[in-house]
Amino acid sequence: MWALAFGAALGACGDSPEERFAQAQAAAKQKDEAAFKGFFTEKSAALLRGFERAGKRSKLWYTRNLFALLPSGEVDEVFVKDNFALITVKSGAKKKEVRMYKQNGQWAIDLFSLDTLWAPLEKQ
């Protein structure tokens, strides 16, 4: 009985990085903003909220579509070491990297490492 309870506790440790990424993609596809923000690190989620507040106040939006910040495509490779995961997402011939960190027992996406976050600045 003790071994069964211990095994159940280990299984409840949270989803894998691939599963969390797929869940984030599903939230983006459904345009569920509250759920979507929950898949990012605490600092990343704070930046997303800041983008929203600044856009509403100034009518100057850094990005109007928060969901487009997450790369679309299929998970091609996954590297996990301790509390860090690097996911390579493949869409056609292009590959994008997504860094994730374990926070509060769940894998969370690091917005700051996404190329799409910085893309508007490169157009200047």
Foldseek 3Di string as FASTA:
>chain_A
DVVVVVVVVVVPLEDDPQVLLVQLLVCLVVVVVVVNLVQADPVVSVVVVVQVVVCVVPVDGLDPRPSVQRDDAHFDDWDDDDQKIWTWGDDPPDIWIWIWGQDPSYTHTYSVRGPSSCVSVVVD
